[in-house]
C-alpha atoms as a PDB file:
ATOM      1  CA  MET A   1      -0.082   0.018   0.011  1.00  0.00           C
ATOM      2  CA  ASP A   2       1.163   3.363  -0.875  1.00  0.00           C
ATOM      3  CA  LYS A   3       1.754   5.225   2.171  1.00  0.00           C
ATOM      4  CA  LYS A   4       0.448   8.821   0.931  1.00  0.00           C
ATOM      5  CA  TYR A   5      -2.965   6.811   1.643  1.00  0.00           C
ATOM      6  CA  GLU A   6      -2.834   6.140   4.789  1.00  0.00           C
ATOM      7  CA  GLU A   7      -4.220   8.438   6.657  1.00  0.00           C
ATOM      8  CA  CYS A   8      -6.730   9.252   4.393  1.00  0.00           C
ATOM      9  CA  LEU A   9      -7.645   5.404   4.393  1.00  0.00           C
ATOM     10  CA  LYS A  10      -7.810   6.496   8.184  1.00  0.00           C
ATOM     11  CA  VAL A  11     -10.768   9.313   7.705  1.00  0.00           C
ATOM     12  CA  ILE A  12     -12.720   6.707   4.946  1.00  0.00           C
ATOM     13  CA  GLN A  13     -12.962   4.343   7.705  1.00  0.00           C
ATOM     14  CA  GLU A  14     -14.369   6.718  10.618  1.00  0.00           C
ATOM     15  CA  CYS A  15     -16.824   8.180   7.464  1.00  0.00           C
ATOM     16  CA  LEU A  16     -18.187   4.355   6.722  1.00  0.00           C
ATOM     17  CA  LYS A  17     -18.576   4.247  10.177  1.00  0.00           C
ATOM     18  CA  ALA A  18     -20.449   7.188  10.462  1.00  0.00           C
ATOM     19  CA  CYS A  19     -22.733   6.447   7.290  1.00  0.00           C
ATOM     20  CA  ASN A  20     -23.747   2.897   8.673  1.00  0.00           C
ATOM     21  CA  THR A  21     -24.526   4.025  12.307  1.00  0.00           C
ATOM     22  CA  CYS A  22     -26.652   6.939  10.532  1.00  0.00           C
ATOM     23  CA  PHE A  23     -28.382   4.355   7.978  1.00  0.00           C
ATOM     24  CA  ASP A  24     -29.030   2.169  11.227  1.00  0.00           C
ATOM     25  CA  ALA A  25     -30.706   5.142  13.210  1.00  0.00           C
ATOM     26  CA  CYS A  26     -32.531   7.025  10.437  1.00  0.00           C
ATOM     27  CA  LEU A  27     -33.996   3.648   9.779  1.00  0.00           C
ATOM     28  CA  LYS A  28     -35.619   3.680  13.665  1.00  0.00           C
ATOM     29  CA  GLU A  29     -36.748   7.457  13.384  1.00  0.00           C
ATOM     30  CA  GLU A  30     -40.220   7.688  13.247  1.00  0.00           C
ATOM     31  CA  ASP A  31     -40.849   9.820   9.834  1.00  0.00           C
ATOM     32  CA  VAL A  32     -38.342   7.252   7.539  1.00  0.00           C
ATOM     33  CA  LYS A  33     -40.172   8.514   4.455  1.00  0.00           C
ATOM     34  CA  MET A  34     -38.305  11.925   5.095  1.00  0.00           C
ATOM     35  CA  MET A  35     -35.065  10.313   6.462  1.00  0.00           C
ATOM     36  CA  ALA A  36     -35.178   8.285   2.712  1.00  0.00           C
ATOM     37  CA  GLU A  37     -32.833  10.342   0.674  1.00  0.00           C
ATOM     38  CA  CYS A  38     -30.283  10.671   3.403  1.00  0.00           C
ATOM     39  CA  ILE A  39     -30.518   6.366   4.130  1.00  0.00           C
ATOM     40  CA  ARG A  40     -29.928   6.506   0.174  1.00  0.00           C
ATOM     41  CA  LEU A  41     -27.018   8.442   0.320  1.00  0.00           C
ATOM     42  CA  ASP A  42     -25.752   7.025   3.803  1.00  0.00           C
ATOM     43  CA  ARG A  43     -25.769   3.686   1.880  1.00  0.00           C
ATOM     44  CA  GLU A  44     -24.659   4.809  -1.162  1.00  0.00           C
ATOM     45  CA  CYS A  45     -21.393   6.336   0.873  1.00  0.00           C
ATOM     46  CA  ALA A  46     -20.687   3.203   2.971  1.00  0.00           C
ATOM     47  CA  ASP A  47     -20.137   1.198  -0.361  1.00  0.00           C
ATOM     48  CA  ILE A  48     -18.245   3.670  -1.899  1.00  0.00           C
ATOM     49  CA  CYS A  49     -16.082   4.095   1.624  1.00  0.00           C
ATOM     50  CA  ALA A  50     -15.460   0.466   1.472  1.00  0.00           C
ATOM     51  CA  PHE A  51     -14.774   0.108  -2.324  1.00  0.00           C
ATOM     52  CA  ALA A  52     -12.309   3.018  -1.669  1.00  0.00           C
ATOM     53  CA  VAL A  53     -10.563   1.215   1.112  1.00  0.00           C
ATOM     54  CA  GLN A  54     -10.047  -1.916  -1.011  1.00  0.00           C
ATOM     55  CA  ALA A  55      -8.580  -0.032  -3.490  1.00  0.00           C
ATOM     56  CA  ILE A  56      -5.694   1.446  -1.379  1.00  0.00           C
ATOM     57  CA  THR A  57      -5.103  -2.222   0.224  1.00  0.00           C
ATOM     58  CA  ARG A  58      -4.730  -3.449  -2.516  1.00  0.00           C
ATOM     59  CA  ASN A  59      -2.931  -1.370  -4.789  1.00  0.00           C
ATOM     60  CA  SER A  60      -5.584  -0.397  -7.520  1.00  0.00           C
ATOM     61  CA  PRO A  61      -4.268   1.201 -10.303  1.00  0.00           C
ATOM     62  CA  PHE A  62      -7.613   3.146 -10.043  1.00  0.00           C
ATOM     63  CA  THR A  63      -7.333   4.337  -6.559  1.00  0.00           C
ATOM     64  CA  ASN A  64      -7.418   7.827  -7.697  1.00  0.00           C
ATOM     65  CA  GLN A  65     -10.424   7.736  -9.704  1.00  0.00           C
ATOM     66  CA  ILE A  66     -12.186   5.923  -6.805  1.00  0.00           C
ATOM     67  CA  LEU A  67     -11.053   8.531  -4.532  1.00  0.00           C
ATOM     68  CA  ASN A  68     -12.063  11.817  -6.355  1.00  0.00           C
ATOM     69  CA  LEU A  69     -15.548   9.211  -6.374  1.00  0.00           C
ATOM     70  CA  CYS A  70     -15.477   8.971  -2.887  1.00  0.00           C
ATOM     71  CA  ALA A  71     -15.025  12.651  -2.581  1.00  0.00           C
ATOM     72  CA  ASP A  72     -17.836  13.742  -4.760  1.00  0.00           C
ATOM     73  CA  VAL A  73     -20.448  10.964  -2.684  1.00  0.00           C
ATOM     74  CA  CYS A  74     -19.081  12.312   0.305  1.00  0.00           C
ATOM     75  CA  GLU A  75     -20.080  16.016  -0.673  1.00  0.00           C
ATOM     76  CA  GLN A  76     -23.721  14.209  -1.444  1.00  0.00           C
ATOM     77  CA  CYS A  77     -24.287  12.901   1.695  1.00  0.00           C
ATOM     78  CA  ALA A  78     -23.078  15.698   4.164  1.00  0.00           C
ATOM     79  CA  GLU A  79     -24.985  17.790   2.057  1.00  0.00           C
ATOM     80  CA  GLU A  80     -27.908  15.499   2.891  1.00  0.00           C
ATOM     81  CA  CYS A  81     -27.509  14.758   6.375  1.00  0.00           C
ATOM     82  CA  ALA A  82     -26.745  18.638   7.118  1.00  0.00           C
ATOM     83  CA  LYS A  83     -30.510  19.148   6.466  1.00  0.00           C
ATOM     84  CA  HIS A  84     -31.289  16.661   9.265  1.00  0.00           C
ATOM     85  CA  GLU A  85     -31.038  17.622  13.185  1.00  0.00           C
ATOM     86  CA  HIS A  86     -30.754  14.826  14.320  1.00  0.00           C
ATOM     87  CA  GLU A  87     -26.950  14.116  16.015  1.00  0.00           C
ATOM     88  CA  HIS A  88     -26.221  10.905  13.733  1.00  0.00           C
ATOM     89  CA  CYS A  89     -26.975  12.735  10.902  1.00  0.00           C
ATOM     90  CA  LYS A  90     -24.514  15.814  12.013  1.00  0.00           C
ATOM     91  CA  ARG A  91     -22.214  13.408  13.033  1.00  0.00           C
ATOM     92  CA  CYS A  92     -22.213  12.031   9.505  1.00  0.00           C
ATOM     93  CA  ALA A  93     -22.138  15.066   7.999  1.00  0.00           C
ATOM     94  CA  GLU A  94     -19.172  16.415   9.700  1.00  0.00           C
ATOM     95  CA  ALA A  95     -17.329  12.991   8.916  1.00  0.00           C
ATOM     96  CA  CYS A  96     -18.065  13.150   5.109  1.00  0.00           C
ATOM     97  CA  ARG A  97     -17.070  16.517   4.780  1.00  0.00           C
ATOM     98  CA  LYS A  98     -13.696  15.396   5.974  1.00  0.00           C
ATOM     99  CA  CYS A  99     -13.453  11.993   3.928  1.00  0.00           C
ATOM    100  CA  ALA A 100     -13.992  14.075   0.599  1.00  0.00           C
ATOM    101  CA  ASP A 101     -11.291  16.438   1.861  1.00  0.00           C
ATOM    102  CA  ALA A 102      -8.752  13.652   2.874  1.00  0.00           C
ATOM    103  CA  CYS A 103      -9.524  11.740  -0.674  1.00  0.00           C
ATOM    104  CA  ARG A 104      -9.054  14.590  -2.778  1.00  0.00           C
ATOM    105  CA  LYS A 105      -6.043  15.520  -0.685  1.00  0.00           C
ATOM    106  CA  ALA A 106      -5.167  12.138  -1.682  1.00  0.00           C
ATOM    107  CA  ALA A 107      -5.837  11.759  -4.908  1.00  0.00           C
ATOM    108  CA  ALA A 108      -4.039  15.054  -6.124  1.00  0.00           C
END
């Protein structure tokens, strides 16, 4: 694994956890319909984060492209989560923003 991705990898894993936590908590909210887009983006974001971890750890020749896509998805997820007042959404939005930044820096 390329050393330049080490810090990014930790941030991606934190984002993956935050998205899964948010996903699970959103499903338990009273108005699940209102949370639908948040739930969908949590899932998308967790999946691309998991894929990015795979790419980094196997030295994929596509790592930088995957990290840029990961950053795009993280930004959208952060935007959606930020619309909600729930603590899990706020934490997820923060983790996603941090992840998007880390991915963009690592891919640069």
